[in-house]
Amino acid sequence: MARDPEAEISDGLRRAKPTDAARDVRRRPVACTSHALCNALGMDSAQVVERLYRGESGLRAPSRALPFETVCGEVTGTLPPVPGALAAYDSRMARLALALVEPMRGAIDGAVRRWGAARIGIVLGTSTGGLAETEAAHRALLAGRGLPVGYSLERTHALSAAGDLLAGVLGIEGVRLVVSTACSSSAKALASGHRLIDAGVADAVLAGGIDTLCELTVRGFHSLGILSARAARPFGRERDGINIGEGGALVLLEREGAAAVHLWGAGETADAHHMSAPHPEGEGAEAAMRRALEAAGVTPEQIGHINSHGTGTPFNDAAEARAIGQVFGRRVPVVSTKGYTGHMLGAAGAVEMAVCVKVLQNQIVPPTINLENPDPECDLDYVPNTARDCRVDAIINNSFGFGGHNACAVAKKFVG
């Protein structure tokens, strides 16, 4: 008798939960020696975190005309130009990448001197690449104007282009990878960076993610019926969808080095439940969290804060809440920051991990904003609307993407 494919997947996920104490999957922690943030809240980490703690959203009406109502998280500051020798890589994604590395330049140059250019890698996550420029090129073709001068599919649009640009700007010669697994992309990039160091392939990795606003993503989520006309309300009773944002984050991971925070481990699953909907019981998410805890060598009781995926859609938030409750119960403060910035898709995991670094440094948990009426179906501690002083030694960061791509990472405060 043929088995139900969904039952096969569920059975596989249950078997994937850590049960074999003899199997050691723990990795050595890596130092997060530098990081940078850029999104709708600000052009640097200080601006972003200040507004997070104030509970101040960066969402506003989109600057481009759309045939429906929504709000977006747009980066509004001035982005640096691409150097002349690398001008062929010019795109909004490229300029966001340069804005991110500017404040990290001293730390990155120090890593190049310490380890050597060939021992430093770059791993980025993205879902759009230079798609906004390709949209403009397509419009030009349709209007009979031909491709814009300087447009190149390989250097302007390609998902790998930003990594190639950064390698050229920073003089990095090690392995370069790009991950594109929808909303888990940059969380997987951080996990891949950790693995490269643990395996001895690299001594340092510049890991993170960048995504930019474009019409394809905004219109696409609207066509799926999950784009909200107002600011997202993660875990709220009246939540009705997501907002799209842009921005990015980079984290410099090193085999060793002076750092207040270390990345201890990550867990990943691919439950393939549905092209765009999560498993209703959050089975893939639960398995990813358990694998991350096992890889980091920590127990659920040691986690002091959870940065949730928390998109604001009815199904996603309910499924994630169930998964968190299965692993951690109700005691851990859970926060979604997507009501501040919108969902940055492939960049979300890295941005939220950089926020986790700040929480571990400052011992202050930002609030989940727009949460006036918590959904009783999502019965967790969401730190509603006001930041909270909180003893936090270890954090887990959740990123769950279309197609059942789930990635969770554990970071811990360094105790010397």
Foldseek 3Di string as FASTA:
>chain_A
DDDDVLVVLLVVLVVLFDDDPVDAQAFAWWFQADKWWFWLQHLTDVSNVVCLQQLHFSWDWDPDDDPDFAIAIEGDDDFDQQDPVLNLQDAPQLSLLVSTCVVVLVVLLVVCVVFNQAQEEEEEEEAWARVQLVVVQVVCVVVVNHGPPSDDCVRRTDQQNNVVSCCVVNVHNYYYYYAYFKFCGQLVQVQVQSVCCRVVRHQKYWGAYWYHDHPCVVVVCVVVQAGDNYQAQFQAPPQRHFHEITHAMITMIGRDDDHQKIWTFKFKDQSLPAQFAADQQLSRQLSRVSRQCSRNVHALVQFAEEEEQRGRHPRVRLNRLNSCCVRNNAPHAYEYPCSRGIRNIRRNQRNVVVVVSVCQVPQKAGAHEPHPHGDVSSRHHRRYPHIDRHDGFKYKYWTAGGSGITMIIMMGGDDD
